[in-house]
Each structure stands twice: as structure tokens, then as C-alpha cells.
PDB file of N, CA and C in Angstrom:
ATOM      1  N   MET A   1       0.842  -1.170   0.000  1.00  0.00           N
ATOM      2  CA  MET A   1       0.000   0.000   0.000  1.00  0.00           C
ATOM      3  C   MET A   1       0.892   1.240   0.000  1.00  0.00           C
ATOM      4  N   MET A   2       0.581   2.156  -0.895  1.00  0.00           N
ATOM      5  CA  MET A   2       1.396   3.359  -1.021  1.00  0.00           C
ATOM      6  C   MET A   2       0.856   4.445  -0.103  1.00  0.00           C
ATOM      7  N   SER A   3       1.752   5.197   0.489  1.00  0.00           N
ATOM      8  CA  SER A   3       1.312   6.302   1.336  1.00  0.00           C
ATOM      9  C   SER A   3       1.106   7.548   0.469  1.00  0.00           C
ATOM     10  N   ARG A   4       0.258   8.395   0.931  1.00  0.00           N
ATOM     11  CA  ARG A   4      -0.010   9.624   0.194  1.00  0.00           C
ATOM     12  C   ARG A   4       1.181  10.561   0.294  1.00  0.00           C
ATOM     13  N   THR A   5       1.460  11.209  -0.809  1.00  0.00           N
ATOM     14  CA  THR A   5       2.507  12.215  -0.786  1.00  0.00           C
ATOM     15  C   THR A   5       1.921  13.509  -0.249  1.00  0.00           C
ATOM     16  N   SER A   6       2.791  14.401   0.121  1.00  0.00           N
ATOM     17  CA  SER A   6       2.292  15.682   0.645  1.00  0.00           C
ATOM     18  C   SER A   6       1.536  16.448  -0.439  1.00  0.00           C
ATOM     19  N   LEU A   7       1.912  16.277  -1.703  1.00  0.00           N
ATOM     20  CA  LEU A   7       1.192  16.927  -2.788  1.00  0.00           C
ATOM     21  C   LEU A   7      -0.228  16.377  -2.899  1.00  0.00           C
ATOM     22  N   GLU A   8      -0.386  15.064  -2.790  1.00  0.00           N
ATOM     23  CA  GLU A   8      -1.716  14.456  -2.827  1.00  0.00           C
ATOM     24  C   GLU A   8      -2.558  14.937  -1.645  1.00  0.00           C
ATOM     25  N   GLU A   9      -1.959  14.992  -0.483  1.00  0.00           N
ATOM     26  CA  GLU A   9      -2.673  15.459   0.700  1.00  0.00           C
ATOM     27  C   GLU A   9      -3.092  16.917   0.551  1.00  0.00           C
ATOM     28  N   GLU A  10      -2.220  17.718  -0.040  1.00  0.00           N
ATOM     29  CA  GLU A  10      -2.548  19.125  -0.263  1.00  0.00           C
ATOM     30  C   GLU A  10      -3.701  19.251  -1.265  1.00  0.00           C
ATOM     31  N   GLU A  11      -3.671  18.450  -2.315  1.00  0.00           N
ATOM     32  CA  GLU A  11      -4.751  18.468  -3.306  1.00  0.00           C
ATOM     33  C   GLU A  11      -6.078  18.029  -2.677  1.00  0.00           C
ATOM     34  N   ILE A  12      -6.032  17.011  -1.859  1.00  0.00           N
ATOM     35  CA  ILE A  12      -7.239  16.551  -1.168  1.00  0.00           C
ATOM     36  C   ILE A  12      -7.770  17.638  -0.250  1.00  0.00           C
ATOM     37  N   SER A  13      -6.900  18.290   0.455  1.00  0.00           N
ATOM     38  CA  SER A  13      -7.303  19.374   1.350  1.00  0.00           C
ATOM     39  C   SER A  13      -7.935  20.517   0.561  1.00  0.00           C
ATOM     40  N   MET A  14      -7.350  20.861  -0.578  1.00  0.00           N
ATOM     41  CA  MET A  14      -7.899  21.930  -1.418  1.00  0.00           C
ATOM     42  C   MET A  14      -9.271  21.537  -1.953  1.00  0.00           C
ATOM     43  N   LEU A  15      -9.437  20.281  -2.358  1.00  0.00           N
ATOM     44  CA  LEU A  15     -10.730  19.811  -2.854  1.00  0.00           C
ATOM     45  C   LEU A  15     -11.784  19.850  -1.752  1.00  0.00           C
ATOM     46  N   ARG A  16     -11.418  19.450  -0.561  1.00  0.00           N
ATOM     47  CA  ARG A  16     -12.359  19.509   0.566  1.00  0.00           C
ATOM     48  C   ARG A  16     -12.792  20.945   0.838  1.00  0.00           C
ATOM     49  N   SER A  17     -11.827  21.855   0.789  1.00  0.00           N
ATOM     50  CA  SER A  17     -12.149  23.270   1.002  1.00  0.00           C
ATOM     51  C   SER A  17     -13.077  23.786  -0.083  1.00  0.00           C
ATOM     52  N   GLU A  18     -12.815  23.411  -1.323  1.00  0.00           N
ATOM     53  CA  GLU A  18     -13.655  23.850  -2.436  1.00  0.00           C
ATOM     54  C   GLU A  18     -15.072  23.277  -2.314  1.00  0.00           C
ATOM     55  N   ILE A  19     -15.176  22.025  -1.922  1.00  0.00           N
ATOM     56  CA  ILE A  19     -16.494  21.409  -1.729  1.00  0.00           C
ATOM     57  C   ILE A  19     -17.251  22.133  -0.621  1.00  0.00           C
ATOM     58  N   GLU A  20     -16.572  22.475   0.453  1.00  0.00           N
ATOM     59  CA  GLU A  20     -17.219  23.199   1.552  1.00  0.00           C
ATOM     60  C   GLU A  20     -17.716  24.566   1.080  1.00  0.00           C
ATOM     61  N   ILE A  21     -16.906  25.259   0.288  1.00  0.00           N
ATOM     62  CA  ILE A  21     -17.314  26.558  -0.257  1.00  0.00           C
ATOM     63  C   ILE A  21     -18.549  26.391  -1.138  1.00  0.00           C
ATOM     64  N   LEU A  22     -18.536  25.380  -2.002  1.00  0.00           N
ATOM     65  CA  LEU A  22     -19.673  25.137  -2.894  1.00  0.00           C
ATOM     66  C   LEU A  22     -20.934  24.779  -2.112  1.00  0.00           C
ATOM     67  N   MET A  23     -20.808  24.000  -1.071  1.00  0.00           N
ATOM     68  CA  MET A  23     -21.976  23.637  -0.258  1.00  0.00           C
ATOM     69  C   MET A  23     -22.547  24.867   0.454  1.00  0.00           C
ATOM     70  N   ASN A  24     -21.672  25.740   0.941  1.00  0.00           N
ATOM     71  CA  ASN A  24     -22.138  26.983   1.576  1.00  0.00           C
ATOM     72  C   ASN A  24     -22.839  27.879   0.561  1.00  0.00           C
ATOM     73  N   GLU A  25     -22.276  27.963  -0.650  1.00  0.00           N
ATOM     74  CA  GLU A  25     -22.904  28.753  -1.697  1.00  0.00           C
ATOM     75  C   GLU A  25     -24.265  28.169  -2.070  1.00  0.00           C
ATOM     76  N   ARG A  26     -24.363  26.859  -2.113  1.00  0.00           N
ATOM     77  CA  ARG A  26     -25.633  26.211  -2.434  1.00  0.00           C
ATOM     78  C   ARG A  26     -26.688  26.567  -1.400  1.00  0.00           C
ATOM     79  N   GLN A  27     -26.321  26.553  -0.124  1.00  0.00           N
ATOM     80  CA  GLN A  27     -27.271  26.908   0.923  1.00  0.00           C
ATOM     81  C   GLN A  27     -27.740  28.358   0.766  1.00  0.00           C
ATOM     82  N   SER A  28     -26.821  29.246   0.435  1.00  0.00           N
ATOM     83  CA  SER A  28     -27.189  30.645   0.205  1.00  0.00           C
ATOM     84  C   SER A  28     -28.125  30.771  -0.989  1.00  0.00           C
ATOM     85  N   LEU A  29     -27.814  30.047  -2.057  1.00  0.00           N
ATOM     86  CA  LEU A  29     -28.673  30.088  -3.242  1.00  0.00           C
ATOM     87  C   LEU A  29     -30.054  29.503  -2.961  1.00  0.00           C
ATOM     88  N   LEU A  30     -30.114  28.462  -2.143  1.00  0.00           N
ATOM     89  CA  LEU A  30     -31.420  27.913  -1.767  1.00  0.00           C
ATOM     90  C   LEU A  30     -32.227  28.946  -0.991  1.00  0.00           C
ATOM     91  N   ASN A  31     -31.581  29.695  -0.113  1.00  0.00           N
ATOM     92  CA  ASN A  31     -32.279  30.772   0.615  1.00  0.00           C
ATOM     93  C   ASN A  31     -32.833  31.808  -0.358  1.00  0.00           C
ATOM     94  N   ILE A  32     -32.017  32.186  -1.338  1.00  0.00           N
ATOM     95  CA  ILE A  32     -32.427  33.195  -2.315  1.00  0.00           C
ATOM     96  C   ILE A  32     -33.590  32.679  -3.155  1.00  0.00           C
ATOM     97  N   VAL A  33     -33.465  31.459  -3.641  1.00  0.00           N
ATOM     98  CA  VAL A  33     -34.519  30.866  -4.469  1.00  0.00           C
ATOM     99  C   VAL A  33     -35.818  30.745  -3.680  1.00  0.00           C
ATOM    100  N   GLY A  34     -35.739  30.278  -2.455  1.00  0.00           N
ATOM    101  CA  GLY A  34     -36.938  30.135  -1.632  1.00  0.00           C
ATOM    102  C   GLY A  34     -37.602  31.472  -1.366  1.00  0.00           C
ATOM    103  N   ALA A  35     -36.794  32.464  -1.020  1.00  0.00           N
ATOM    104  CA  ALA A  35     -37.353  33.799  -0.754  1.00  0.00           C
ATOM    105  C   ALA A  35     -37.960  34.388  -2.027  1.00  0.00           C
ATOM    106  N   ALA A  36     -37.292  34.197  -3.159  1.00  0.00           N
ATOM    107  CA  ALA A  36     -37.816  34.711  -4.427  1.00  0.00           C
ATOM    108  C   ALA A  36     -39.134  34.030  -4.782  1.00  0.00           C
ATOM    109  N   ALA A  37     -39.221  32.729  -4.565  1.00  0.00           N
ATOM    110  CA  ALA A  37     -40.448  31.995  -4.877  1.00  0.00           C
ATOM    111  C   ALA A  37     -41.610  32.469  -4.010  1.00  0.00           C
ATOM    112  N   VAL A  38     -41.363  32.671  -2.728  1.00  0.00           N
ATOM    113  CA  VAL A  38     -42.411  33.165  -1.831  1.00  0.00           C
ATOM    114  C   VAL A  38     -42.811  34.589  -2.227  1.00  0.00           C
ATOM    115  N   PHE A  39     -41.824  35.394  -2.557  1.00  0.00           N
ATOM    116  CA  PHE A  39     -42.070  36.777  -2.971  1.00  0.00           C
ATOM    117  C   PHE A  39     -42.954  36.819  -4.218  1.00  0.00           C
ATOM    118  N   VAL A  40     -42.594  36.043  -5.234  1.00  0.00           N
ATOM    119  CA  VAL A  40     -43.363  36.021  -6.486  1.00  0.00           C
ATOM    120  C   VAL A  40     -44.770  35.492  -6.241  1.00  0.00           C
ATOM    121  N   ALA A  41     -44.882  34.468  -5.403  1.00  0.00           N
ATOM    122  CA  ALA A  41     -46.200  33.886  -5.132  1.00  0.00           C
ATOM    123  C   ALA A  41     -47.137  34.880  -4.444  1.00  0.00           C
ATOM    124  N   ASN A  42     -46.575  35.814  -3.710  1.00  0.00           N
ATOM    125  CA  ASN A  42     -47.393  36.770  -2.969  1.00  0.00           C
ATOM    126  C   ASN A  42     -47.567  38.118  -3.671  1.00  0.00           C
ATOM    127  N   LEU A  43     -47.012  38.255  -4.876  1.00  0.00           N
ATOM    128  CA  LEU A  43     -47.125  39.515  -5.605  1.00  0.00           C
ATOM    129  C   LEU A  43     -48.529  39.699  -6.171  1.00  0.00           C
ATOM    130  N   ASP A  44     -48.962  40.925  -6.189  1.00  0.00           N
ATOM    131  CA  ASP A  44     -50.194  41.296  -6.883  1.00  0.00           C
ATOM    132  C   ASP A  44     -49.761  41.950  -8.193  1.00  0.00           C
ATOM    133  N   SER A  45     -49.745  41.169  -9.264  1.00  0.00           N
ATOM    134  CA  SER A  45     -49.224  41.676 -10.535  1.00  0.00           C
ATOM    135  C   SER A  45     -50.022  42.862 -11.062  1.00  0.00           C
ATOM    136  N   ASP A  46     -51.280  42.969 -10.683  1.00  0.00           N
ATOM    137  CA  ASP A  46     -52.090  44.112 -11.129  1.00  0.00           C
ATOM    138  C   ASP A  46     -51.621  45.419 -10.499  1.00  0.00           C
ATOM    139  N   ALA A  47     -50.980  45.339  -9.352  1.00  0.00           N
ATOM    140  CA  ALA A  47     -50.533  46.539  -8.657  1.00  0.00           C
ATOM    141  C   ALA A  47     -49.111  46.953  -9.045  1.00  0.00           C
ATOM    142  N   LEU A  48     -48.439  46.140  -9.860  1.00  0.00           N
ATOM    143  CA  LEU A  48     -47.052  46.428 -10.231  1.00  0.00           C
ATOM    144  C   LEU A  48     -46.968  47.268 -11.502  1.00  0.00           C
ATOM    145  N   PRO A  49     -45.976  48.146 -11.574  1.00  0.00           N
ATOM    146  CA  PRO A  49     -45.706  48.833 -12.845  1.00  0.00           C
ATOM    147  C   PRO A  49     -45.282  47.791 -13.891  1.00  0.00           C
ATOM    148  N   ASP A  50     -45.441  48.123 -15.157  1.00  0.00           N
ATOM    149  CA  ASP A  50     -45.136  47.172 -16.230  1.00  0.00           C
ATOM    150  C   ASP A  50     -43.717  46.622 -16.152  1.00  0.00           C
ATOM    151  N   ASP A  51     -42.733  47.493 -15.889  1.00  0.00           N
ATOM    152  CA  ASP A  51     -41.340  47.028 -15.808  1.00  0.00           C
ATOM    153  C   ASP A  51     -41.152  46.017 -14.682  1.00  0.00           C
ATOM    154  N   ALA A  52     -41.740  46.299 -13.534  1.00  0.00           N
ATOM    155  CA  ALA A  52     -41.618  45.394 -12.395  1.00  0.00           C
ATOM    156  C   ALA A  52     -42.366  44.094 -12.665  1.00  0.00           C
ATOM    157  N   CYS A  53     -43.489  44.198 -13.362  1.00  0.00           N
ATOM    158  CA  CYS A  53     -44.263  43.006 -13.689  1.00  0.00           C
ATOM    159  C   CYS A  53     -43.467  42.107 -14.642  1.00  0.00           C
ATOM    160  N   GLU A  54     -42.784  42.696 -15.590  1.00  0.00           N
ATOM    161  CA  GLU A  54     -41.959  41.916 -16.519  1.00  0.00           C
ATOM    162  C   GLU A  54     -40.802  41.250 -15.782  1.00  0.00           C
ATOM    163  N   ALA A  55     -40.189  41.961 -14.841  1.00  0.00           N
ATOM    164  CA  ALA A  55     -39.111  41.373 -14.038  1.00  0.00           C
ATOM    165  C   ALA A  55     -39.645  40.216 -13.195  1.00  0.00           C
ATOM    166  N   ALA A  56     -40.852  40.366 -12.654  1.00  0.00           N
ATOM    167  CA  ALA A  56     -41.467  39.299 -11.858  1.00  0.00           C
ATOM    168  C   ALA A  56     -41.758  38.081 -12.735  1.00  0.00           C
ATOM    169  N   ARG A  57     -42.201  38.322 -13.972  1.00  0.00           N
ATOM    170  CA  ARG A  57     -42.444  37.209 -14.892  1.00  0.00           C
ATOM    171  C   ARG A  57     -41.147  36.472 -15.212  1.00  0.00           C
ATOM    172  N   LEU A  58     -40.081  37.231 -15.432  1.00  0.00           N
ATOM    173  CA  LEU A  58     -38.780  36.622 -15.711  1.00  0.00           C
ATOM    174  C   LEU A  58     -38.305  35.804 -14.512  1.00  0.00           C
ATOM    175  N   LEU A  59     -38.454  36.365 -13.321  1.00  0.00           N
ATOM    176  CA  LEU A  59     -38.075  35.645 -12.108  1.00  0.00           C
ATOM    177  C   LEU A  59     -38.913  34.382 -11.948  1.00  0.00           C
ATOM    178  N   SER A  60     -40.191  34.494 -12.160  1.00  0.00           N
ATOM    179  CA  SER A  60     -41.084  33.347 -12.047  1.00  0.00           C
ATOM    180  C   SER A  60     -40.708  32.259 -13.050  1.00  0.00           C
ATOM    181  N   SER A  61     -40.413  32.659 -14.271  1.00  0.00           N
ATOM    182  CA  SER A  61     -40.017  31.704 -15.299  1.00  0.00           C
ATOM    183  C   SER A  61     -38.709  30.997 -14.917  1.00  0.00           C
ATOM    184  N   SER A  62     -37.766  31.760 -14.388  1.00  0.00           N
ATOM    185  CA  SER A  62     -36.485  31.174 -13.954  1.00  0.00           C
ATOM    186  C   SER A  62     -36.694  30.177 -12.818  1.00  0.00           C
ATOM    187  N   LEU A  63     -37.566  30.522 -11.893  1.00  0.00           N
ATOM    188  CA  LEU A  63     -37.864  29.617 -10.783  1.00  0.00           C
ATOM    189  C   LEU A  63     -38.524  28.341 -11.292  1.00  0.00           C
ATOM    190  N   ASN A  64     -39.417  28.483 -12.251  1.00  0.00           N
ATOM    191  CA  ASN A  64     -40.110  27.320 -12.808  1.00  0.00           C
ATOM    192  C   ASN A  64     -39.175  26.408 -13.599  1.00  0.00           C
ATOM    193  N   ASP A  65     -38.068  26.947 -14.083  1.00  0.00           N
ATOM    194  CA  ASP A  65     -37.099  26.147 -14.834  1.00  0.00           C
ATOM    195  C   ASP A  65     -36.223  25.281 -13.925  1.00  0.00           C
ATOM    196  N   LEU A  66     -36.244  25.558 -12.635  1.00  0.00           N
ATOM    197  CA  LEU A  66     -35.431  24.769 -11.696  1.00  0.00           C
ATOM    198  C   LEU A  66     -35.987  23.354 -11.571  1.00  0.00           C
ATOM    199  N   PRO A  67     -35.107  22.407 -11.262  1.00  0.00           N
ATOM    200  CA  PRO A  67     -35.621  21.060 -10.969  1.00  0.00           C
ATOM    201  C   PRO A  67     -36.595  21.124  -9.789  1.00  0.00           C
ATOM    202  N   GLU A  68     -37.638  20.332  -9.867  1.00  0.00           N
ATOM    203  CA  GLU A  68     -38.687  20.352  -8.843  1.00  0.00           C
ATOM    204  C   GLU A  68     -38.114  20.098  -7.445  1.00  0.00           C
ATOM    205  N   GLU A  69     -37.189  19.168  -7.352  1.00  0.00           N
ATOM    206  CA  GLU A  69     -36.602  18.842  -6.047  1.00  0.00           C
ATOM    207  C   GLU A  69     -35.847  20.031  -5.454  1.00  0.00           C
ATOM    208  N   THR A  70     -35.134  20.762  -6.295  1.00  0.00           N
ATOM    209  CA  THR A  70     -34.393  21.938  -5.821  1.00  0.00           C
ATOM    210  C   THR A  70     -35.345  23.012  -5.322  1.00  0.00           C
ATOM    211  N   LEU A  71     -36.390  23.268  -6.098  1.00  0.00           N
ATOM    212  CA  LEU A  71     -37.363  24.279  -5.694  1.00  0.00           C
ATOM    213  C   LEU A  71     -38.072  23.877  -4.407  1.00  0.00           C
ATOM    214  N   ARG A  72     -38.420  22.610  -4.293  1.00  0.00           N
ATOM    215  CA  ARG A  72     -39.070  22.123  -3.071  1.00  0.00           C
ATOM    216  C   ARG A  72     -38.140  22.301  -1.866  1.00  0.00           C
ATOM    217  N   GLU A  73     -36.871  21.949  -2.031  1.00  0.00           N
ATOM    218  CA  GLU A  73     -35.905  22.104  -0.931  1.00  0.00           C
ATOM    219  C   GLU A  73     -35.758  23.575  -0.542  1.00  0.00           C
ATOM    220  N   ALA A  74     -35.725  24.451  -1.542  1.00  0.00           N
ATOM    221  CA  ALA A  74     -35.598  25.887  -1.267  1.00  0.00           C
ATOM    222  C   ALA A  74     -36.813  26.408  -0.516  1.00  0.00           C
ATOM    223  N   LEU A  75     -37.999  25.981  -0.935  1.00  0.00           N
ATOM    224  CA  LEU A  75     -39.222  26.425  -0.261  1.00  0.00           C
ATOM    225  C   LEU A  75     -39.292  25.907   1.169  1.00  0.00           C
ATOM    226  N   GLU A  76     -38.907  24.652   1.367  1.00  0.00           N
ATOM    227  CA  GLU A  76     -38.905  24.094   2.727  1.00  0.00           C
ATOM    228  C   GLU A  76     -37.936  24.862   3.611  1.00  0.00           C
ATOM    229  N   LYS A  77     -36.786  25.213   3.057  1.00  0.00           N
ATOM    230  CA  LYS A  77     -35.769  25.932   3.820  1.00  0.00           C
ATOM    231  C   LYS A  77     -36.276  27.321   4.223  1.00  0.00           C
ATOM    232  N   ILE A  78     -36.862  28.033   3.286  1.00  0.00           N
ATOM    233  CA  ILE A  78     -37.314  29.392   3.587  1.00  0.00           C
ATOM    234  C   ILE A  78     -38.556  29.373   4.470  1.00  0.00           C
ATOM    235  N   GLN A  79     -39.439  28.398   4.294  1.00  0.00           N
ATOM    236  CA  GLN A  79     -40.620  28.303   5.149  1.00  0.00           C
ATOM    237  C   GLN A  79     -40.226  28.037   6.592  1.00  0.00           C
ATOM    238  N   ALA A  80     -39.194  27.222   6.788  1.00  0.00           N
ATOM    239  CA  ALA A  80     -38.703  26.968   8.146  1.00  0.00           C
ATOM    240  C   ALA A  80     -38.152  28.257   8.749  1.00  0.00           C
ATOM    241  N   GLU A  81     -37.437  29.037   7.936  1.00  0.00           N
ATOM    242  CA  GLU A  81     -36.892  30.307   8.431  1.00  0.00           C
ATOM    243  C   GLU A  81     -38.006  31.308   8.715  1.00  0.00           C
ATOM    244  N   LEU A  82     -39.008  31.355   7.839  1.00  0.00           N
ATOM    245  CA  LEU A  82     -40.129  32.269   8.067  1.00  0.00           C
ATOM    246  C   LEU A  82     -40.900  31.881   9.325  1.00  0.00           C
ATOM    247  N   ALA A  83     -41.114  30.593   9.531  1.00  0.00           N
ATOM    248  CA  ALA A  83     -41.800  30.122  10.737  1.00  0.00           C
ATOM    249  C   ALA A  83     -40.989  30.471  11.977  1.00  0.00           C
ATOM    250  N   GLY A  84     -39.682  30.343  11.898  1.00  0.00           N
ATOM    251  CA  GLY A  84     -38.812  30.710  13.021  1.00  0.00           C
ATOM    252  C   GLY A  84     -38.887  32.189  13.315  1.00  0.00           C
ATOM    253  N   GLY A  85     -38.971  33.005  12.263  1.00  0.00           N
ATOM    254  CA  GLY A  85     -39.093  34.452  12.436  1.00  0.00           C
ATOM    255  C   GLY A  85     -40.400  34.831  13.086  1.00  0.00           C
ATOM    256  N   GLU A  86     -41.467  34.122  12.714  1.00  0.00           N
ATOM    257  CA  GLU A  86     -42.769  34.394  13.309  1.00  0.00           C
ATOM    258  C   GLU A  86     -42.753  34.054  14.795  1.00  0.00           C
ATOM    259  N   ARG A  87     -42.075  32.970  15.156  1.00  0.00           N
ATOM    260  CA  ARG A  87     -41.992  32.591  16.580  1.00  0.00           C
ATOM    261  C   ARG A  87     -41.211  33.633  17.348  1.00  0.00           C
ATOM    262  N   ARG A  88     -40.124  34.168  16.728  1.00  0.00           N
ATOM    263  CA  ARG A  88     -39.312  35.182  17.424  1.00  0.00           C
ATOM    264  C   ARG A  88     -40.119  36.453  17.615  1.00  0.00           C
ATOM    265  N   GLN A  89     -40.987  36.802  16.632  1.00  0.00           N
ATOM    266  CA  GLN A  89     -41.784  38.023  16.744  1.00  0.00           C
ATOM    267  C   GLN A  89     -42.865  37.893  17.800  1.00  0.00           C
ATOM    268  N   ASP A  90     -43.329  36.659  18.032  1.00  0.00           N
ATOM    269  CA  ASP A  90     -44.370  36.431  19.044  1.00  0.00           C
ATOM    270  C   ASP A  90     -43.849  36.663  20.451  1.00  0.00           C
ATOM    271  N   HIS A  91     -42.552  36.524  20.649  1.00  0.00           N
ATOM    272  CA  HIS A  91     -41.992  36.608  22.008  1.00  0.00           C
ATOM    273  C   HIS A  91     -41.492  37.972  22.305  1.00  0.00           C
TER     274      HIS A  91
END
């Protein structure tokens, strides 16, 4: 059995760091997607100016293009945060 060289160990360490960065970014993106989905769902398009309505349509279309599982995970994540915020406001 061969032992790892310091170069291999350094590469593994760099890959682990990169994976951690990507996972953190994914969590942030899920927060953004979830908040955007809730925001769009609660918009009154009749009350929006045309430019804002077009931006909302573009956002809605982008959200709909996401895989269903990703969108569901994002919504669950943001709903949990919103529920937590409501509990904090009650106290």
C-alpha cells in the first residue's frame, strides 16, 4: 500500500475546502430561491408597474425552470426560516 505524498494530501485538502465553499454557496442560493419563490407567489401583478411586472415574470419563469426537487428544498428551507421568524416576533 502506497502512502499519500504531501502533494496528494494538499490536493485533497484543497478539494475539501472547495467542496465546503460550494456547499455553503448552495445553501445561500437555496435561501435566495426560496425567498424569491415566496415573494413572487405573494405579488399582486395588477398593482405592479409594467417594468416590475416583466421582471417578476422573468423571475417566475427562472424559478419554474429549476428542478422540482431543488425548488421544493428551497421552499422548505425558507418556510422553516419564516416560521422561526414568526416565533421570534411572538416573544
